């Protein structure tokens, strides 16, 4: 993937993640600058999603773990566990929010 393609895709994904969290109806605070998204849950725990351009990855830091995602076959895949980005965000987001949430990439306009 060319660098400009990575930047467009990663930024669109990060903006879609922010929209998806906002669509949960939870009292979540988010701050996004295109390269980094910080989600603060009602219990004050934080999740950070950011671009890693030299590696063409998206990194996700949750309360529990850190994950490095590479874009493969149309999906962002954790290079350690094989988890898909949106599945991990739903699972980790539910744990951090202390209630079930569903994050929908399609509804958020995400990749």
PDB file of N, CA and C in Angstrom:
ATOM      1  N   UNK A   1       0.859  -1.165   0.000  1.00  0.00           N
ATOM      2  CA  UNK A   1       0.000   0.000   0.000  1.00  0.00           C
ATOM      3  C   UNK A   1       0.911   1.236   0.000  1.00  0.00           C
ATOM      4  N   UNK A   2       0.541   2.203  -0.786  1.00  0.00           N
ATOM      5  CA  UNK A   2       1.280   3.465  -0.822  1.00  0.00           C
ATOM      6  C   UNK A   2       1.004   4.254   0.468  1.00  0.00           C
ATOM      7  N   UNK A   3       1.957   5.104   0.844  1.00  0.00           N
ATOM      8  CA  UNK A   3       1.797   5.877   2.080  1.00  0.00           C
ATOM      9  C   UNK A   3       0.530   6.721   2.083  1.00  0.00           C
ATOM     10  N   UNK A   4       0.226   7.381   0.962  1.00  0.00           N
ATOM     11  CA  UNK A   4      -0.976   8.228   0.935  1.00  0.00           C
ATOM     12  C   UNK A   4      -2.244   7.389   1.095  1.00  0.00           C
ATOM     13  N   UNK A   5      -2.251   6.160   0.558  1.00  0.00           N
ATOM     14  CA  UNK A   5      -3.410   5.278   0.721  1.00  0.00           C
ATOM     15  C   UNK A   5      -3.568   4.879   2.189  1.00  0.00           C
ATOM     16  N   UNK A   6      -2.448   4.554   2.818  1.00  0.00           N
ATOM     17  CA  UNK A   6      -2.489   4.203   4.241  1.00  0.00           C
ATOM     18  C   UNK A   6      -3.069   5.358   5.062  1.00  0.00           C
ATOM     19  N   UNK A   7      -2.556   6.564   4.834  1.00  0.00           N
ATOM     20  CA  UNK A   7      -3.018   7.718   5.618  1.00  0.00           C
ATOM     21  C   UNK A   7      -4.515   7.950   5.430  1.00  0.00           C
ATOM     22  N   UNK A   8      -5.002   7.887   4.206  1.00  0.00           N
ATOM     23  CA  UNK A   8      -6.439   8.074   3.944  1.00  0.00           C
ATOM     24  C   UNK A   8      -7.265   7.005   4.643  1.00  0.00           C
ATOM     25  N   UNK A   9      -6.851   5.756   4.514  1.00  0.00           N
ATOM     26  CA  UNK A   9      -7.592   4.645   5.101  1.00  0.00           C
ATOM     27  C   UNK A   9      -7.556   4.695   6.629  1.00  0.00           C
ATOM     28  N   UNK A  10      -6.388   4.928   7.191  1.00  0.00           N
ATOM     29  CA  UNK A  10      -6.261   4.967   8.652  1.00  0.00           C
ATOM     30  C   UNK A  10      -7.052   6.127   9.246  1.00  0.00           C
ATOM     31  N   UNK A  11      -6.974   7.300   8.628  1.00  0.00           N
ATOM     32  CA  UNK A  11      -7.726   8.452   9.137  1.00  0.00           C
ATOM     33  C   UNK A  11      -9.225   8.214   9.039  1.00  0.00           C
ATOM     34  N   UNK A  12      -9.687   7.663   7.919  1.00  0.00           N
ATOM     35  CA  UNK A  12     -11.115   7.361   7.771  1.00  0.00           C
ATOM     36  C   UNK A  12     -11.559   6.351   8.823  1.00  0.00           C
ATOM     37  N   UNK A  13     -10.716   5.377   9.105  1.00  0.00           N
ATOM     38  CA  UNK A  13     -11.047   4.370  10.110  1.00  0.00           C
ATOM     39  C   UNK A  13     -11.135   4.994  11.497  1.00  0.00           C
ATOM     40  N   UNK A  14     -10.177   5.840  11.827  1.00  0.00           N
ATOM     41  CA  UNK A  14     -10.186   6.482  13.146  1.00  0.00           C
ATOM     42  C   UNK A  14     -11.416   7.372  13.312  1.00  0.00           C
ATOM     43  N   UNK A  15     -11.768   8.140  12.279  1.00  0.00           N
ATOM     44  CA  UNK A  15     -12.976   8.978  12.351  1.00  0.00           C
ATOM     45  C   UNK A  15     -14.224   8.105  12.479  1.00  0.00           C
ATOM     46  N   UNK A  16     -14.249   6.954  11.791  1.00  0.00           N
ATOM     47  CA  UNK A  16     -15.397   6.048  11.879  1.00  0.00           C
ATOM     48  C   UNK A  16     -15.503   5.432  13.271  1.00  0.00           C
ATOM     49  N   UNK A  17     -14.365   5.135  13.887  1.00  0.00           N
ATOM     50  CA  UNK A  17     -14.378   4.602  15.249  1.00  0.00           C
ATOM     51  C   UNK A  17     -14.977   5.633  16.202  1.00  0.00           C
ATOM     52  N   UNK A  18     -14.575   6.882  16.049  1.00  0.00           N
ATOM     53  CA  UNK A  18     -15.139   7.932  16.903  1.00  0.00           C
ATOM     54  C   UNK A  18     -16.654   8.011  16.716  1.00  0.00           C
ATOM     55  N   UNK A  19     -17.114   8.001  15.474  1.00  0.00           N
ATOM     56  CA  UNK A  19     -18.557   8.066  15.205  1.00  0.00           C
ATOM     57  C   UNK A  19     -19.277   6.860  15.794  1.00  0.00           C
ATOM     58  N   UNK A  20     -18.680   5.681  15.678  1.00  0.00           N
ATOM     59  CA  UNK A  20     -19.311   4.470  16.202  1.00  0.00           C
ATOM     60  C   UNK A  20     -19.461   4.541  17.720  1.00  0.00           C
ATOM     61  N   UNK A  21     -18.431   5.010  18.408  1.00  0.00           N
ATOM     62  CA  UNK A  21     -18.535   5.149  19.868  1.00  0.00           C
ATOM     63  C   UNK A  21     -19.578   6.198  20.237  1.00  0.00           C
ATOM     64  N   UNK A  22     -19.643   7.291  19.486  1.00  0.00           N
ATOM     65  CA  UNK A  22     -20.650   8.316  19.763  1.00  0.00           C
ATOM     66  C   UNK A  22     -22.060   7.784  19.549  1.00  0.00           C
ATOM     67  N   UNK A  23     -22.227   6.828  18.637  1.00  0.00           N
ATOM     68  CA  UNK A  23     -23.542   6.252  18.345  1.00  0.00           C
ATOM     69  C   UNK A  23     -23.993   5.220  19.375  1.00  0.00           C
ATOM     70  N   UNK A  24     -23.163   4.914  20.374  1.00  0.00           N
ATOM     71  CA  UNK A  24     -23.560   3.922  21.382  1.00  0.00           C
ATOM     72  C   UNK A  24     -24.582   4.464  22.369  1.00  0.00           C
ATOM     73  N   UNK A  25     -24.702   5.781  22.469  1.00  0.00           N
ATOM     74  CA  UNK A  25     -25.615   6.372  23.431  1.00  0.00           C
ATOM     75  C   UNK A  25     -25.025   6.510  24.827  1.00  0.00           C
ATOM     76  N   UNK A  26     -23.799   6.029  25.021  1.00  0.00           N
ATOM     77  CA  UNK A  26     -23.133   6.193  26.314  1.00  0.00           C
ATOM     78  C   UNK A  26     -22.597   7.610  26.446  1.00  0.00           C
ATOM     79  N   UNK A  27     -22.364   8.009  27.665  1.00  0.00           N
ATOM     80  CA  UNK A  27     -21.783   9.325  27.933  1.00  0.00           C
ATOM     81  C   UNK A  27     -20.262   9.225  27.777  1.00  0.00           C
ATOM     82  N   UNK A  28     -19.823   9.104  26.526  1.00  0.00           N
ATOM     83  CA  UNK A  28     -18.409   8.929  26.204  1.00  0.00           C
ATOM     84  C   UNK A  28     -17.853  10.253  25.707  1.00  0.00           C
ATOM     85  N   UNK A  29     -16.686  10.600  26.212  1.00  0.00           N
ATOM     86  CA  UNK A  29     -15.976  11.770  25.698  1.00  0.00           C
ATOM     87  C   UNK A  29     -14.945  11.285  24.695  1.00  0.00           C
ATOM     88  N   UNK A  30     -14.826  12.001  23.586  1.00  0.00           N
ATOM     89  CA  UNK A  30     -13.816  11.625  22.600  1.00  0.00           C
ATOM     90  C   UNK A  30     -13.101  12.873  22.108  1.00  0.00           C
ATOM     91  N   UNK A  31     -11.837  12.681  21.800  1.00  0.00           N
ATOM     92  CA  UNK A  31     -11.032  13.749  21.230  1.00  0.00           C
ATOM     93  C   UNK A  31     -10.219  13.139  20.097  1.00  0.00           C
ATOM     94  N   UNK A  32     -10.356  13.716  18.900  1.00  0.00           N
ATOM     95  CA  UNK A  32      -9.703  13.159  17.724  1.00  0.00           C
ATOM     96  C   UNK A  32      -9.016  14.263  16.941  1.00  0.00           C
ATOM     97  N   UNK A  33      -7.805  13.968  16.475  1.00  0.00           N
ATOM     98  CA  UNK A  33      -7.098  14.923  15.620  1.00  0.00           C
ATOM     99  C   UNK A  33      -6.765  14.318  14.256  1.00  0.00           C
ATOM    100  N   UNK A  34      -7.337  13.174  13.931  1.00  0.00           N
ATOM    101  CA  UNK A  34      -7.063  12.508  12.660  1.00  0.00           C
ATOM    102  C   UNK A  34      -5.996  11.444  12.789  1.00  0.00           C
ATOM    103  N   UNK A  35      -4.975  11.700  13.608  1.00  0.00           N
ATOM    104  CA  UNK A  35      -3.916  10.717  13.837  1.00  0.00           C
ATOM    105  C   UNK A  35      -4.138   9.918  15.114  1.00  0.00           C
ATOM    106  N   UNK A  36      -4.822  10.516  16.072  1.00  0.00           N
ATOM    107  CA  UNK A  36      -5.043   9.862  17.354  1.00  0.00           C
ATOM    108  C   UNK A  36      -6.451  10.165  17.866  1.00  0.00           C
ATOM    109  N   UNK A  37      -7.066   9.133  18.414  1.00  0.00           N
ATOM    110  CA  UNK A  37      -8.393   9.239  19.016  1.00  0.00           C
ATOM    111  C   UNK A  37      -8.289   8.764  20.456  1.00  0.00           C
ATOM    112  N   UNK A  38      -8.788   9.579  21.361  1.00  0.00           N
ATOM    113  CA  UNK A  38      -8.831   9.203  22.769  1.00  0.00           C
ATOM    114  C   UNK A  38     -10.289   9.119  23.193  1.00  0.00           C
ATOM    115  N   UNK A  39     -10.695   7.940  23.655  1.00  0.00           N
ATOM    116  CA  UNK A  39     -12.059   7.696  24.123  1.00  0.00           C
ATOM    117  C   UNK A  39     -12.009   7.591  25.641  1.00  0.00           C
ATOM    118  N   UNK A  40     -12.802   8.415  26.322  1.00  0.00           N
ATOM    119  CA  UNK A  40     -12.898   8.333  27.779  1.00  0.00           C
ATOM    120  C   UNK A  40     -14.304   7.854  28.122  1.00  0.00           C
ATOM    121  N   UNK A  41     -14.362   6.736  28.840  1.00  0.00           N
ATOM    122  CA  UNK A  41     -15.627   6.115  29.205  1.00  0.00           C
ATOM    123  C   UNK A  41     -16.189   6.767  30.470  1.00  0.00           C
ATOM    124  N   UNK A  42     -17.492   6.540  30.756  1.00  0.00           N
ATOM    125  CA  UNK A  42     -18.101   7.152  31.940  1.00  0.00           C
ATOM    126  C   UNK A  42     -17.358   6.828  33.244  1.00  0.00           C
ATOM    127  N   UNK A  43     -16.703   5.669  33.306  1.00  0.00           N
ATOM    128  CA  UNK A  43     -15.956   5.293  34.513  1.00  0.00           C
ATOM    129  C   UNK A  43     -14.539   5.869  34.513  1.00  0.00           C
ATOM    130  N   UNK A  44     -14.250   6.761  33.570  1.00  0.00           N
ATOM    131  CA  UNK A  44     -12.986   7.489  33.420  1.00  0.00           C
ATOM    132  C   UNK A  44     -11.838   6.642  32.885  1.00  0.00           C
ATOM    133  N   UNK A  45     -12.086   5.389  32.469  1.00  0.00           N
ATOM    134  CA  UNK A  45     -11.029   4.630  31.800  1.00  0.00           C
ATOM    135  C   UNK A  45     -10.884   5.156  30.379  1.00  0.00           C
ATOM    136  N   UNK A  46      -9.719   4.951  29.804  1.00  0.00           N
ATOM    137  CA  UNK A  46      -9.400   5.545  28.503  1.00  0.00           C
ATOM    138  C   UNK A  46      -8.950   4.465  27.528  1.00  0.00           C
ATOM    139  N   UNK A  47      -9.346   4.642  26.275  1.00  0.00           N
ATOM    140  CA  UNK A  47      -8.865   3.829  25.161  1.00  0.00           C
ATOM    141  C   UNK A  47      -8.246   4.802  24.159  1.00  0.00           C
ATOM    142  N   UNK A  48      -7.069   4.457  23.651  1.00  0.00           N
ATOM    143  CA  UNK A  48      -6.383   5.314  22.689  1.00  0.00           C
ATOM    144  C   UNK A  48      -6.177   4.538  21.394  1.00  0.00           C
ATOM    145  N   UNK A  49      -6.572   5.148  20.286  1.00  0.00           N
ATOM    146  CA  UNK A  49      -6.390   4.568  18.955  1.00  0.00           C
ATOM    147  C   UNK A  49      -5.544   5.558  18.165  1.00  0.00           C
ATOM    148  N   UNK A  50      -4.446   5.079  17.586  1.00  0.00           N
ATOM    149  CA  UNK A  50      -3.617   6.009  16.827  1.00  0.00           C
ATOM    150  C   UNK A  50      -2.938   5.339  15.638  1.00  0.00           C
ATOM    151  N   UNK A  51      -2.539   6.195  14.703  1.00  0.00           N
ATOM    152  CA  UNK A  51      -1.823   5.750  13.509  1.00  0.00           C
ATOM    153  C   UNK A  51      -0.356   5.518  13.845  1.00  0.00           C
ATOM    154  N   UNK A  52       0.240   4.556  13.168  1.00  0.00           N
ATOM    155  CA  UNK A  52       1.682   4.312  13.225  1.00  0.00           C
ATOM    156  C   UNK A  52       2.190   4.267  11.789  1.00  0.00           C
ATOM    157  N   UNK A  53       2.385   5.443  11.176  1.00  0.00           N
ATOM    158  CA  UNK A  53       2.738   5.515   9.755  1.00  0.00           C
ATOM    159  C   UNK A  53       3.975   4.721   9.332  1.00  0.00           C
ATOM    160  N   UNK A  54       5.069   4.709  10.095  1.00  0.00           N
ATOM    161  CA  UNK A  54       6.230   3.958   9.608  1.00  0.00           C
ATOM    162  C   UNK A  54       5.938   2.470   9.391  1.00  0.00           C
ATOM    163  N   UNK A  55       4.994   1.935  10.174  1.00  0.00           N
ATOM    164  CA  UNK A  55       4.635   0.521  10.073  1.00  0.00           C
ATOM    165  C   UNK A  55       3.342   0.299   9.291  1.00  0.00           C
ATOM    166  N   UNK A  56       2.680   1.376   8.900  1.00  0.00           N
ATOM    167  CA  UNK A  56       1.359   1.326   8.260  1.00  0.00           C
ATOM    168  C   UNK A  56       0.381   0.513   9.107  1.00  0.00           C
ATOM    169  N   UNK A  57       0.321   0.849  10.378  1.00  0.00           N
ATOM    170  CA  UNK A  57      -0.549   0.162  11.319  1.00  0.00           C
ATOM    171  C   UNK A  57      -1.433   1.160  12.056  1.00  0.00           C
ATOM    172  N   UNK A  58      -2.470   0.603  12.685  1.00  0.00           N
ATOM    173  CA  UNK A  58      -3.265   1.319  13.676  1.00  0.00           C
ATOM    174  C   UNK A  58      -3.024   0.599  14.992  1.00  0.00           C
ATOM    175  N   UNK A  59      -2.680   1.371  16.017  1.00  0.00           N
ATOM    176  CA  UNK A  59      -2.467   0.801  17.343  1.00  0.00           C
ATOM    177  C   UNK A  59      -3.641   1.163  18.234  1.00  0.00           C
ATOM    178  N   UNK A  60      -4.049   0.194  19.053  1.00  0.00           N
ATOM    179  CA  UNK A  60      -5.139   0.386  20.005  1.00  0.00           C
ATOM    180  C   UNK A  60      -4.619   0.038  21.396  1.00  0.00           C
ATOM    181  N   UNK A  61      -4.706   0.989  22.306  1.00  0.00           N
ATOM    182  CA  UNK A  61      -4.335   0.756  23.703  1.00  0.00           C
ATOM    183  C   UNK A  61      -5.608   0.786  24.533  1.00  0.00           C
ATOM    184  N   UNK A  62      -5.946  -0.352  25.116  1.00  0.00           N
ATOM    185  CA  UNK A  62      -7.111  -0.449  25.987  1.00  0.00           C
ATOM    186  C   UNK A  62      -6.635  -0.493  27.434  1.00  0.00           C
ATOM    187  N   UNK A  63      -7.577  -0.528  28.337  1.00  0.00           N
ATOM    188  CA  UNK A  63      -7.264  -0.674  29.760  1.00  0.00           C
ATOM    189  C   UNK A  63      -6.540  -1.999  30.012  1.00  0.00           C
ATOM    190  N   UNK A  64      -6.737  -2.948  29.109  1.00  0.00           N
ATOM    191  CA  UNK A  64      -6.273  -4.313  29.337  1.00  0.00           C
ATOM    192  C   UNK A  64      -5.020  -4.696  28.551  1.00  0.00           C
ATOM    193  N   UNK A  65      -4.866  -4.167  27.335  1.00  0.00           N
ATOM    194  CA  UNK A  65      -3.802  -4.606  26.431  1.00  0.00           C
ATOM    195  C   UNK A  65      -3.528  -3.576  25.355  1.00  0.00           C
ATOM    196  N   UNK A  66      -2.465  -3.815  24.622  1.00  0.00           N
ATOM    197  CA  UNK A  66      -2.166  -3.042  23.427  1.00  0.00           C
ATOM    198  C   UNK A  66      -2.249  -3.946  22.208  1.00  0.00           C
ATOM    199  N   UNK A  67      -2.705  -3.400  21.095  1.00  0.00           N
ATOM    200  CA  UNK A  67      -2.895  -4.186  19.872  1.00  0.00           C
ATOM    201  C   UNK A  67      -2.375  -3.406  18.679  1.00  0.00           C
ATOM    202  N   UNK A  68      -1.753  -4.119  17.759  1.00  0.00           N
ATOM    203  CA  UNK A  68      -1.216  -3.518  16.536  1.00  0.00           C
ATOM    204  C   UNK A  68      -1.939  -4.139  15.346  1.00  0.00           C
ATOM    205  N   UNK A  69      -2.621  -3.297  14.560  1.00  0.00           N
ATOM    206  CA  UNK A  69      -3.437  -3.769  13.450  1.00  0.00           C
ATOM    207  C   UNK A  69      -2.811  -3.414  12.112  1.00  0.00           C
ATOM    208  N   UNK A  70      -2.780  -4.400  11.215  1.00  0.00           N
ATOM    209  CA  UNK A  70      -2.318  -4.220   9.841  1.00  0.00           C
ATOM    210  C   UNK A  70      -3.507  -4.420   8.912  1.00  0.00           C
ATOM    211  N   UNK A  71      -3.513  -3.691   7.800  1.00  0.00           N
ATOM    212  CA  UNK A  71      -4.615  -3.810   6.848  1.00  0.00           C
ATOM    213  C   UNK A  71      -4.340  -4.976   5.905  1.00  0.00           C
ATOM    214  N   UNK A  72      -5.199  -6.002   5.976  1.00  0.00           N
ATOM    215  CA  UNK A  72      -5.056  -7.194   5.141  1.00  0.00           C
ATOM    216  C   UNK A  72      -6.419  -7.598   4.595  1.00  0.00           C
ATOM    217  N   UNK A  73      -6.474  -7.829   3.308  1.00  0.00           N
ATOM    218  CA  UNK A  73      -7.695  -8.342   2.672  1.00  0.00           C
ATOM    219  C   UNK A  73      -8.943  -7.550   3.063  1.00  0.00           C
ATOM    220  N   UNK A  74      -8.808  -6.225   3.104  1.00  0.00           N
ATOM    221  CA  UNK A  74      -9.954  -5.364   3.358  1.00  0.00           C
ATOM    222  C   UNK A  74     -10.337  -5.198   4.814  1.00  0.00           C
ATOM    223  N   UNK A  75      -9.482  -5.658   5.742  1.00  0.00           N
ATOM    224  CA  UNK A  75      -9.779  -5.539   7.169  1.00  0.00           C
ATOM    225  C   UNK A  75      -8.513  -5.168   7.933  1.00  0.00           C
ATOM    226  N   UNK A  76      -8.698  -4.521   9.068  1.00  0.00           N
ATOM    227  CA  UNK A  76      -7.592  -4.279   9.985  1.00  0.00           C
ATOM    228  C   UNK A  76      -7.520  -5.488  10.921  1.00  0.00           C
ATOM    229  N   UNK A  77      -6.372  -6.184  10.910  1.00  0.00           N
ATOM    230  CA  UNK A  77      -6.194  -7.424  11.663  1.00  0.00           C
ATOM    231  C   UNK A  77      -5.056  -7.258  12.669  1.00  0.00           C
ATOM    232  N   UNK A  78      -5.298  -7.683  13.916  1.00  0.00           N
ATOM    233  CA  UNK A  78      -4.270  -7.643  14.958  1.00  0.00           C
ATOM    234  C   UNK A  78      -3.152  -8.605  14.563  1.00  0.00           C
ATOM    235  N   UNK A  79      -1.935  -8.099  14.475  1.00  0.00           N
ATOM    236  CA  UNK A  79      -0.843  -8.942  13.996  1.00  0.00           C
ATOM    237  C   UNK A  79      -0.356  -9.950  15.037  1.00  0.00           C
ATOM    238  N   UNK A  80      -0.869  -9.888  16.248  1.00  0.00           N
ATOM    239  CA  UNK A  80      -0.497 -10.862  17.275  1.00  0.00           C
ATOM    240  C   UNK A  80      -1.589 -11.909  17.480  1.00  0.00           C
ATOM    241  N   UNK A  81      -2.844 -11.449  17.572  1.00  0.00           N
ATOM    242  CA  UNK A  81      -3.939 -12.370  17.908  1.00  0.00           C
ATOM    243  C   UNK A  81      -4.784 -12.779  16.711  1.00  0.00           C
ATOM    244  N   UNK A  82      -4.718 -12.016  15.611  1.00  0.00           N
ATOM    245  CA  UNK A  82      -5.567 -12.289  14.456  1.00  0.00           C
ATOM    246  C   UNK A  82      -6.965 -11.708  14.578  1.00  0.00           C
ATOM    247  N   UNK A  83      -7.237 -10.976  15.661  1.00  0.00           N
ATOM    248  CA  UNK A  83      -8.561 -10.379  15.863  1.00  0.00           C
ATOM    249  C   UNK A  83      -8.794  -9.258  14.851  1.00  0.00           C
ATOM    250  N   UNK A  84     -10.035  -9.100  14.443  1.00  0.00           N
ATOM    251  CA  UNK A  84     -10.430  -8.024  13.537  1.00  0.00           C
ATOM    252  C   UNK A  84     -10.691  -6.775  14.387  1.00  0.00           C
ATOM    253  N   UNK A  85     -10.334  -5.610  13.868  1.00  0.00           N
ATOM    254  CA  UNK A  85     -10.394  -4.355  14.622  1.00  0.00           C
ATOM    255  C   UNK A  85     -11.752  -4.097  15.251  1.00  0.00           C
ATOM    256  N   UNK A  86     -12.822  -4.169  14.465  1.00  0.00           N
ATOM    257  CA  UNK A  86     -14.141  -3.807  14.990  1.00  0.00           C
ATOM    258  C   UNK A  86     -14.619  -4.796  16.051  1.00  0.00           C
ATOM    259  N   UNK A  87     -14.263  -6.081  15.902  1.00  0.00           N
ATOM    260  CA  UNK A  87     -14.606  -7.065  16.933  1.00  0.00           C
ATOM    261  C   UNK A  87     -13.884  -6.740  18.237  1.00  0.00           C
ATOM    262  N   UNK A  88     -12.596  -6.426  18.126  1.00  0.00           N
ATOM    263  CA  UNK A  88     -11.822  -6.094  19.321  1.00  0.00           C
ATOM    264  C   UNK A  88     -12.356  -4.834  19.985  1.00  0.00           C
ATOM    265  N   UNK A  89     -12.674  -3.812  19.190  1.00  0.00           N
ATOM    266  CA  UNK A  89     -13.195  -2.569  19.765  1.00  0.00           C
ATOM    267  C   UNK A  89     -14.522  -2.799  20.478  1.00  0.00           C
ATOM    268  N   UNK A  90     -15.392  -3.621  19.903  1.00  0.00           N
ATOM    269  CA  UNK A  90     -16.672  -3.933  20.545  1.00  0.00           C
ATOM    270  C   UNK A  90     -16.442  -4.666  21.858  1.00  0.00           C
ATOM    271  N   UNK A  91     -15.571  -5.677  21.832  1.00  0.00           N
ATOM    272  CA  UNK A  91     -15.296  -6.462  23.037  1.00  0.00           C
ATOM    273  C   UNK A  91     -14.611  -5.613  24.110  1.00  0.00           C
ATOM    274  N   UNK A  92     -13.537  -4.945  23.745  1.00  0.00           N
ATOM    275  CA  UNK A  92     -12.806  -4.127  24.717  1.00  0.00           C
ATOM    276  C   UNK A  92     -13.629  -2.932  25.179  1.00  0.00           C
ATOM    277  N   UNK A  93     -14.369  -2.324  24.258  1.00  0.00           N
ATOM    278  CA  UNK A  93     -15.234  -1.204  24.619  1.00  0.00           C
ATOM    279  C   UNK A  93     -16.312  -1.619  25.604  1.00  0.00           C
ATOM    280  N   UNK A  94     -16.886  -2.804  25.404  1.00  0.00           N
ATOM    281  CA  UNK A  94     -17.896  -3.316  26.337  1.00  0.00           C
ATOM    282  C   UNK A  94     -17.300  -3.536  27.720  1.00  0.00           C
ATOM    283  N   UNK A  95     -16.099  -4.091  27.753  1.00  0.00           N
ATOM    284  CA  UNK A  95     -15.443  -4.327  29.046  1.00  0.00           C
ATOM    285  C   UNK A  95     -15.116  -3.010  29.744  1.00  0.00           C
ATOM    286  N   UNK A  96     -14.587  -2.058  28.993  1.00  0.00           N
ATOM    287  CA  UNK A  96     -14.233  -0.783  29.617  1.00  0.00           C
ATOM    288  C   UNK A  96     -15.462   0.017  30.011  1.00  0.00           C
ATOM    289  N   UNK A  97     -16.518  -0.064  29.228  1.00  0.00           N
ATOM    290  CA  UNK A  97     -17.756   0.659  29.543  1.00  0.00           C
ATOM    291  C   UNK A  97     -18.550  -0.036  30.644  1.00  0.00           C
ATOM    292  N   UNK A  98     -18.185  -1.292  30.922  1.00  0.00           N
ATOM    293  CA  UNK A  98     -18.873  -2.113  31.913  1.00  0.00           C
ATOM    294  C   UNK A  98     -20.329  -2.351  31.538  1.00  0.00           C
ATOM    295  N   UNK A  99     -20.580  -2.404  30.230  1.00  0.00           N
ATOM    296  CA  UNK A  99     -21.883  -2.782  29.686  1.00  0.00           C
ATOM    297  C   UNK A  99     -21.700  -3.119  28.214  1.00  0.00           C
ATOM    298  N   UNK A 100     -22.615  -3.916  27.691  1.00  0.00           N
ATOM    299  CA  UNK A 100     -22.497  -4.335  26.296  1.00  0.00           C
ATOM    300  C   UNK A 100     -22.746  -3.170  25.354  1.00  0.00           C
ATOM    301  N   UNK A 101     -21.851  -3.029  24.397  1.00  0.00           N
ATOM    302  CA  UNK A 101     -22.040  -2.049  23.330  1.00  0.00           C
ATOM    303  C   UNK A 101     -21.825  -2.766  22.005  1.00  0.00           C
ATOM    304  N   UNK A 102     -22.406  -2.238  20.963  1.00  0.00           N
ATOM    305  CA  UNK A 102     -22.204  -2.747  19.610  1.00  0.00           C
ATOM    306  C   UNK A 102     -21.656  -1.621  18.763  1.00  0.00           C
ATOM    307  N   UNK A 103     -20.486  -1.829  18.221  1.00  0.00           N
ATOM    308  CA  UNK A 103     -19.900  -0.838  17.320  1.00  0.00           C
ATOM    309  C   UNK A 103     -20.108  -1.328  15.901  1.00  0.00           C
ATOM    310  N   UNK A 104     -20.675  -0.476  15.072  1.00  0.00           N
ATOM    311  CA  UNK A 104     -21.024  -0.839  13.702  1.00  0.00           C
ATOM    312  C   UNK A 104     -20.205  -0.009  12.726  1.00  0.00           C
ATOM    313  N   UNK A 105     -19.234  -0.647  12.091  1.00  0.00           N
ATOM    314  CA  UNK A 105     -18.371   0.051  11.130  1.00  0.00           C
ATOM    315  C   UNK A 105     -19.179   0.597   9.966  1.00  0.00           C
ATOM    316  N   UNK A 106     -20.151  -0.168   9.490  1.00  0.00           N
ATOM    317  CA  UNK A 106     -20.934   0.265   8.331  1.00  0.00           C
ATOM    318  C   UNK A 106     -21.777   1.493   8.657  1.00  0.00           C
ATOM    319  N   UNK A 107     -22.414   1.488   9.826  1.00  0.00           N
ATOM    320  CA  UNK A 107     -23.244   2.629  10.213  1.00  0.00           C
ATOM    321  C   UNK A 107     -22.396   3.867  10.458  1.00  0.00           C
ATOM    322  N   UNK A 108     -21.134   3.644  10.860  1.00  0.00           N
ATOM    323  CA  UNK A 108     -20.241   4.767  11.138  1.00  0.00           C
ATOM    324  C   UNK A 108     -19.497   5.221   9.889  1.00  0.00           C
ATOM    325  N   UNK A 109     -19.685   4.502   8.785  1.00  0.00           N
ATOM    326  CA  UNK A 109     -18.994   4.855   7.549  1.00  0.00           C
ATOM    327  C   UNK A 109     -17.543   4.437   7.551  1.00  0.00           C
ATOM    328  N   UNK A 110     -17.240   3.378   8.286  1.00  0.00           N
ATOM    329  CA  UNK A 110     -15.845   2.979   8.452  1.00  0.00           C
ATOM    330  C   UNK A 110     -15.362   1.907   7.521  1.00  0.00           C
ATOM    331  N   UNK A 111     -14.050   1.787   7.498  1.00  0.00           N
ATOM    332  CA  UNK A 111     -13.379   0.779   6.682  1.00  0.00           C
ATOM    333  C   UNK A 111     -13.187  -0.481   7.487  1.00  0.00           C
TER     334      UNK A 111
END
